[in-house]
Amino acid sequence: MKKWLLGTTLVLLLGGSAKSAVVDGVSVADSVRVGNTALILNGAGRRTRYFFSIYVAALYLRSHTADAAQVLADPGPMRLTMTLMRNLSASELAGALHEGIARNASPADLARTKSQIDQLIGIMKAIGSAKAGDILSIDFLAGGITRVGLNGRVQGAPIAGRKFQRELLDIWLGPHPAQADLKRELLGAPP
């Protein structure tokens, strides 16, 4: 009986969040595993540019928070996924990530993390083009390690540096995010 009640409670709780697990027709997982750690969906939203849908982003954390500063200070693990809604070239992927980092970092900070940024751009270029429906993931691991994946397969070598992780997260959660409403949605506000 206790198992049935627990199962029913979980279904009801997850059922309440199921609506937030579909964004603009894209299904977003309620949870993911990064290594041995289960992460839960904190929020998800759509990235647009010039009225075009680019991707649906989803942020996974160990526990829910609506506080960007708390996420930025979290040493991980956490994951950000981007389900592409259109085809993107390697230069578009790399350019958008570099632009987002530069929007929030000072020239001195960019100089300090140049090798990590170059490594990320190299990974994006090695991926080549990504197609609509592909899922690009960025894992922010403890110890300042960042890992990039495409459709569940790790791409390139891990990137070291906690400062770099923060700059990368600032693209979506920093003071000058890529899109303000996407930031709110990743922090749990309804789309």
C-alpha atoms as a PDB file:
ATOM      1  CA  MET A   1       0.000   0.000   0.000  1.00  0.00           C
ATOM      2  CA  LYS A   2       2.832   2.403   0.864  1.00  0.00           C
ATOM      3  CA  LYS A   3       4.509   1.691  -2.489  1.00  0.00           C
ATOM      4  CA  TRP A   4       1.232   2.363  -4.302  1.00  0.00           C
ATOM      5  CA  LEU A   5       0.739   5.655  -2.462  1.00  0.00           C
ATOM      6  CA  LEU A   6       4.330   6.712  -3.147  1.00  0.00           C
ATOM      7  CA  GLY A   7       3.959   5.779  -6.824  1.00  0.00           C
ATOM      8  CA  THR A   8       0.668   7.634  -7.113  1.00  0.00           C
ATOM      9  CA  THR A   9       2.165  10.703  -5.422  1.00  0.00           C
ATOM     10  CA  LEU A  10       5.129  10.669  -7.813  1.00  0.00           C
ATOM     11  CA  VAL A  11       2.850  10.345 -10.841  1.00  0.00           C
ATOM     12  CA  LEU A  12       0.771  13.278  -9.637  1.00  0.00           C
ATOM     13  CA  LEU A  13       3.838  15.407  -8.935  1.00  0.00           C
ATOM     14  CA  LEU A  14       5.458  14.573 -12.253  1.00  0.00           C
ATOM     15  CA  GLY A  15       2.155  14.952 -14.026  1.00  0.00           C
ATOM     16  CA  GLY A  16       1.983  18.527 -12.790  1.00  0.00           C
ATOM     17  CA  SER A  17       5.359  19.263 -14.333  1.00  0.00           C
ATOM     18  CA  ALA A  18       4.738  17.332 -17.570  1.00  0.00           C
ATOM     19  CA  LYS A  19       3.346  20.442 -19.248  1.00  0.00           C
ATOM     20  CA  SER A  20       6.644  22.241 -18.676  1.00  0.00           C
ATOM     21  CA  ALA A  21       8.494  19.303 -20.285  1.00  0.00           C
ATOM     22  CA  VAL A  22       7.240  20.221 -23.777  1.00  0.00           C
ATOM     23  CA  VAL A  23       8.434  23.519 -25.229  1.00  0.00           C
ATOM     24  CA  ASP A  24       7.291  24.639 -28.655  1.00  0.00           C
ATOM     25  CA  GLY A  25       6.568  21.017 -29.595  1.00  0.00           C
ATOM     26  CA  VAL A  26       9.959  19.754 -28.370  1.00  0.00           C
ATOM     27  CA  SER A  27       9.852  17.135 -25.607  1.00  0.00           C
ATOM     28  CA  VAL A  28      12.277  17.819 -22.774  1.00  0.00           C
ATOM     29  CA  ALA A  29      13.265  15.067 -20.337  1.00  0.00           C
ATOM     30  CA  ASP A  30      12.169  15.573 -16.724  1.00  0.00           C
ATOM     31  CA  SER A  31      15.539  14.244 -15.501  1.00  0.00           C
ATOM     32  CA  VAL A  32      18.980  13.177 -16.738  1.00  0.00           C
ATOM     33  CA  ARG A  33      21.997  11.415 -15.287  1.00  0.00           C
ATOM     34  CA  VAL A  34      25.428  12.986 -15.352  1.00  0.00           C
ATOM     35  CA  GLY A  35      27.848  10.338 -14.192  1.00  0.00           C
ATOM     36  CA  ASN A  36      26.343   8.873 -11.026  1.00  0.00           C
ATOM     37  CA  THR A  37      24.240  11.944 -10.258  1.00  0.00           C
ATOM     38  CA  ALA A  38      20.552  12.265 -11.077  1.00  0.00           C
ATOM     39  CA  LEU A  39      19.627  15.788 -12.141  1.00  0.00           C
ATOM     40  CA  ILE A  40      16.126  17.240 -12.420  1.00  0.00           C
ATOM     41  CA  LEU A  41      14.733  19.687 -14.927  1.00  0.00           C
ATOM     42  CA  ASN A  42      14.970  23.177 -13.479  1.00  0.00           C
ATOM     43  CA  GLY A  43      13.440  24.925 -16.486  1.00  0.00           C
ATOM     44  CA  ALA A  44      13.294  25.018 -20.257  1.00  0.00           C
ATOM     45  CA  GLY A  45      12.587  27.576 -22.949  1.00  0.00           C
ATOM     46  CA  ARG A  46      13.004  28.484 -26.589  1.00  0.00           C
ATOM     47  CA  ARG A  47      15.859  30.545 -28.030  1.00  0.00           C
ATOM     48  CA  THR A  48      14.857  32.745 -30.926  1.00  0.00           C
ATOM     49  CA  ARG A  49      16.767  35.164 -33.078  1.00  0.00           C
ATOM     50  CA  TYR A  50      15.145  37.537 -35.552  1.00  0.00           C
ATOM     51  CA  PHE A  51      11.840  35.695 -35.106  1.00  0.00           C
ATOM     52  CA  PHE A  52      13.421  32.316 -35.997  1.00  0.00           C
ATOM     53  CA  SER A  53      13.359  29.442 -33.510  1.00  0.00           C
ATOM     54  CA  ILE A  54      16.956  28.295 -32.942  1.00  0.00           C
ATOM     55  CA  TYR A  55      16.798  25.725 -30.118  1.00  0.00           C
ATOM     56  CA  VAL A  56      14.985  24.634 -26.987  1.00  0.00           C
ATOM     57  CA  ALA A  57      17.288  24.866 -23.974  1.00  0.00           C
ATOM     58  CA  ALA A  58      16.832  22.881 -20.773  1.00  0.00           C
ATOM     59  CA  LEU A  59      18.734  23.294 -17.508  1.00  0.00           C
ATOM     60  CA  TYR A  60      19.224  20.322 -15.176  1.00  0.00           C
ATOM     61  CA  LEU A  61      20.350  20.735 -11.567  1.00  0.00           C
ATOM     62  CA  ARG A  62      20.504  18.622  -8.403  1.00  0.00           C
ATOM     63  CA  SER A  63      17.624  20.653  -6.952  1.00  0.00           C
ATOM     64  CA  HIS A  64      15.299  23.384  -8.198  1.00  0.00           C
ATOM     65  CA  THR A  65      16.269  27.024  -7.862  1.00  0.00           C
ATOM     66  CA  ALA A  66      15.043  30.298  -9.343  1.00  0.00           C
ATOM     67  CA  ASP A  67      18.257  32.080  -8.325  1.00  0.00           C
ATOM     68  CA  ALA A  68      20.745  32.597 -11.177  1.00  0.00           C
ATOM     69  CA  ALA A  69      23.539  33.477  -8.724  1.00  0.00           C
ATOM     70  CA  GLN A  70      23.033  30.147  -6.957  1.00  0.00           C
ATOM     71  CA  VAL A  71      23.291  28.257 -10.263  1.00  0.00           C
ATOM     72  CA  LEU A  72      26.401  30.216 -11.294  1.00  0.00           C
ATOM     73  CA  ALA A  73      28.057  29.444  -7.951  1.00  0.00           C
ATOM     74  CA  ASP A  74      27.146  25.735  -8.058  1.00  0.00           C
ATOM     75  CA  PRO A  75      30.283  23.633  -8.688  1.00  0.00           C
ATOM     76  CA  GLY A  76      28.213  20.986 -10.470  1.00  0.00           C
ATOM     77  CA  PRO A  77      27.304  18.625 -11.748  1.00  0.00           C
ATOM     78  CA  MET A  78      24.676  20.252 -13.938  1.00  0.00           C
ATOM     79  CA  ARG A  79      23.702  20.016 -17.583  1.00  0.00           C
ATOM     80  CA  LEU A  80      22.388  22.411 -20.174  1.00  0.00           C
ATOM     81  CA  THR A  81      20.908  20.902 -23.337  1.00  0.00           C
ATOM     82  CA  MET A  82      19.979  22.555 -26.592  1.00  0.00           C
ATOM     83  CA  THR A  83      17.610  20.685 -28.899  1.00  0.00           C
ATOM     84  CA  LEU A  84      18.152  22.316 -32.268  1.00  0.00           C
ATOM     85  CA  MET A  85      15.093  23.527 -34.129  1.00  0.00           C
ATOM     86  CA  ARG A  86      17.028  24.275 -37.318  1.00  0.00           C
ATOM     87  CA  ASN A  87      20.242  23.215 -39.012  1.00  0.00           C
ATOM     88  CA  LEU A  88      23.333  25.088 -37.799  1.00  0.00           C
ATOM     89  CA  SER A  89      26.833  25.155 -39.251  1.00  0.00           C
ATOM     90  CA  ALA A  90      29.969  24.793 -37.157  1.00  0.00           C
ATOM     91  CA  SER A  91      30.716  28.489 -37.587  1.00  0.00           C
ATOM     92  CA  GLU A  92      27.203  29.429 -36.423  1.00  0.00           C
ATOM     93  CA  LEU A  93      27.543  27.204 -33.335  1.00  0.00           C
ATOM     94  CA  ALA A  94      31.008  28.515 -32.487  1.00  0.00           C
ATOM     95  CA  GLY A  95      30.139  32.132 -33.248  1.00  0.00           C
ATOM     96  CA  ALA A  96      27.016  32.140 -31.088  1.00  0.00           C
ATOM     97  CA  LEU A  97      28.858  30.635 -28.112  1.00  0.00           C
ATOM     98  CA  HIS A  98      31.787  33.047 -28.455  1.00  0.00           C
ATOM     99  CA  GLU A  99      29.443  36.023 -28.810  1.00  0.00           C
ATOM    100  CA  GLY A 100      27.500  34.977 -25.702  1.00  0.00           C
ATOM    101  CA  ILE A 101      30.678  34.627 -23.644  1.00  0.00           C
ATOM    102  CA  ALA A 102      32.024  37.984 -24.855  1.00  0.00           C
ATOM    103  CA  ARG A 103      28.726  39.720 -23.998  1.00  0.00           C
ATOM    104  CA  ASN A 104      29.235  38.964 -20.291  1.00  0.00           C
ATOM    105  CA  ALA A 105      33.033  38.830 -19.818  1.00  0.00           C
ATOM    106  CA  SER A 106      35.568  41.620 -19.637  1.00  0.00           C
ATOM    107  CA  PRO A 107      38.474  41.695 -22.108  1.00  0.00           C
ATOM    108  CA  ALA A 108      40.787  40.628 -19.251  1.00  0.00           C
ATOM    109  CA  ASP A 109      38.534  37.645 -18.417  1.00  0.00           C
ATOM    110  CA  LEU A 110      38.395  36.658 -22.084  1.00  0.00           C
ATOM    111  CA  ALA A 111      42.193  36.763 -22.235  1.00  0.00           C
ATOM    112  CA  ARG A 112      42.444  34.511 -19.142  1.00  0.00           C
ATOM    113  CA  THR A 113      40.133  31.874 -20.607  1.00  0.00           C
ATOM    114  CA  LYS A 114      41.227  32.180 -24.243  1.00  0.00           C
ATOM    115  CA  SER A 115      42.639  28.645 -24.402  1.00  0.00           C
ATOM    116  CA  GLN A 116      39.376  27.154 -23.064  1.00  0.00           C
ATOM    117  CA  ILE A 117      37.284  29.265 -25.453  1.00  0.00           C
ATOM    118  CA  ASP A 118      39.523  28.160 -28.327  1.00  0.00           C
ATOM    119  CA  GLN A 119      39.099  24.533 -27.244  1.00  0.00           C
ATOM    120  CA  LEU A 120      35.296  24.940 -27.206  1.00  0.00           C
ATOM    121  CA  ILE A 121      35.342  26.526 -30.665  1.00  0.00           C
ATOM    122  CA  GLY A 122      37.536  23.660 -31.875  1.00  0.00           C
ATOM    123  CA  ILE A 123      34.999  21.141 -30.571  1.00  0.00           C
ATOM    124  CA  MET A 124      32.171  22.984 -32.324  1.00  0.00           C
ATOM    125  CA  LYS A 125      34.116  23.054 -35.580  1.00  0.00           C
ATOM    126  CA  ALA A 126      34.910  19.332 -35.262  1.00  0.00           C
ATOM    127  CA  ILE A 127      31.189  18.631 -34.842  1.00  0.00           C
ATOM    128  CA  GLY A 128      30.638  20.342 -38.153  1.00  0.00           C
ATOM    129  CA  SER A 129      27.025  21.045 -38.914  1.00  0.00           C
ATOM    130  CA  ALA A 130      24.256  20.025 -36.565  1.00  0.00           C
ATOM    131  CA  LYS A 131      20.786  19.242 -37.803  1.00  0.00           C
ATOM    132  CA  ALA A 132      17.327  20.111 -36.531  1.00  0.00           C
ATOM    133  CA  GLY A 133      16.471  17.615 -33.793  1.00  0.00           C
ATOM    134  CA  ASP A 134      20.089  17.110 -32.689  1.00  0.00           C
ATOM    135  CA  ILE A 135      20.716  17.591 -28.970  1.00  0.00           C
ATOM    136  CA  LEU A 136      23.835  19.488 -27.962  1.00  0.00           C
ATOM    137  CA  SER A 137      24.665  19.061 -24.269  1.00  0.00           C
ATOM    138  CA  ILE A 138      27.083  20.853 -21.995  1.00  0.00           C
ATOM    139  CA  ASP A 139      27.935  19.124 -18.730  1.00  0.00           C
ATOM    140  CA  PHE A 140      29.339  21.287 -15.955  1.00  0.00           C
ATOM    141  CA  LEU A 141      31.175  18.826 -13.727  1.00  0.00           C
ATOM    142  CA  ALA A 142      32.717  19.235 -10.283  1.00  0.00           C
ATOM    143  CA  GLY A 143      36.353  20.257 -10.349  1.00  0.00           C
ATOM    144  CA  GLY A 144      35.769  22.809 -13.098  1.00  0.00           C
ATOM    145  CA  ILE A 145      35.504  20.268 -15.926  1.00  0.00           C
ATOM    146  CA  THR A 146      33.204  20.994 -18.877  1.00  0.00           C
ATOM    147  CA  ARG A 147      32.181  18.271 -21.300  1.00  0.00           C
ATOM    148  CA  VAL A 148      30.365  18.776 -24.617  1.00  0.00           C
ATOM    149  CA  GLY A 149      28.129  16.134 -26.157  1.00  0.00           C
ATOM    150  CA  LEU A 150      26.060  15.685 -29.284  1.00  0.00           C
ATOM    151  CA  ASN A 151      23.160  13.238 -29.291  1.00  0.00           C
ATOM    152  CA  GLY A 152      24.512  11.501 -26.200  1.00  0.00           C
ATOM    153  CA  ARG A 153      28.097  11.102 -27.465  1.00  0.00           C
ATOM    154  CA  VAL A 154      30.968  13.050 -25.908  1.00  0.00           C
ATOM    155  CA  GLN A 155      32.689  15.408 -28.330  1.00  0.00           C
ATOM    156  CA  GLY A 156      36.329  16.382 -27.926  1.00  0.00           C
ATOM    157  CA  ALA A 157      38.362  16.421 -24.750  1.00  0.00           C
ATOM    158  CA  PRO A 158      37.023  17.812 -21.467  1.00  0.00           C
ATOM    159  CA  ILE A 159      37.673  21.515 -20.952  1.00  0.00           C
ATOM    160  CA  ALA A 160      39.240  22.478 -17.605  1.00  0.00           C
ATOM    161  CA  GLY A 161      38.573  25.677 -15.688  1.00  0.00           C
ATOM    162  CA  ARG A 162      35.917  26.862 -13.249  1.00  0.00           C
ATOM    163  CA  LYS A 163      36.188  30.449 -14.550  1.00  0.00           C
ATOM    164  CA  PHE A 164      35.445  29.163 -18.055  1.00  0.00           C
ATOM    165  CA  GLN A 165      32.398  27.254 -16.757  1.00  0.00           C
ATOM    166  CA  ARG A 166      31.046  30.458 -15.260  1.00  0.00           C
ATOM    167  CA  GLU A 167      31.617  32.383 -18.496  1.00  0.00           C
ATOM    168  CA  LEU A 168      29.836  29.662 -20.446  1.00  0.00           C
ATOM    169  CA  LEU A 169      26.841  29.610 -18.080  1.00  0.00           C
ATOM    170  CA  ASP A 170      26.682  33.407 -18.283  1.00  0.00           C
ATOM    171  CA  ILE A 171      25.539  33.011 -21.901  1.00  0.00           C
ATOM    172  CA  TRP A 172      22.133  31.952 -20.567  1.00  0.00           C
ATOM    173  CA  LEU A 173      22.125  33.079 -16.920  1.00  0.00           C
ATOM    174  CA  GLY A 174      24.512  36.040 -16.728  1.00  0.00           C
ATOM    175  CA  PRO A 175      23.735  39.743 -16.431  1.00  0.00           C
ATOM    176  CA  HIS A 176      23.481  40.023 -20.242  1.00  0.00           C
ATOM    177  CA  PRO A 177      21.908  36.698 -21.267  1.00  0.00           C
ATOM    178  CA  ALA A 178      21.391  35.631 -24.855  1.00  0.00           C
ATOM    179  CA  GLN A 179      17.663  36.120 -24.266  1.00  0.00           C
ATOM    180  CA  ALA A 180      16.048  37.491 -21.092  1.00  0.00           C
ATOM    181  CA  ASP A 181      12.865  35.411 -21.282  1.00  0.00           C
ATOM    182  CA  LEU A 182      14.921  32.245 -21.870  1.00  0.00           C
ATOM    183  CA  LYS A 183      16.892  33.027 -18.698  1.00  0.00           C
ATOM    184  CA  ARG A 184      13.634  33.314 -16.731  1.00  0.00           C
ATOM    185  CA  GLU A 185      12.363  30.035 -18.203  1.00  0.00           C
ATOM    186  CA  LEU A 186      15.592  28.163 -17.399  1.00  0.00           C
ATOM    187  CA  LEU A 187      15.154  29.395 -13.837  1.00  0.00           C
ATOM    188  CA  GLY A 188      11.709  27.822 -13.682  1.00  0.00           C
ATOM    189  CA  ALA A 189       9.340  30.552 -14.857  1.00  0.00           C
ATOM    190  CA  PRO A 190       6.613  29.218 -17.195  1.00  0.00           C
ATOM    191  CA  PRO A 191       7.226  29.816 -20.921  1.00  0.00           C
END
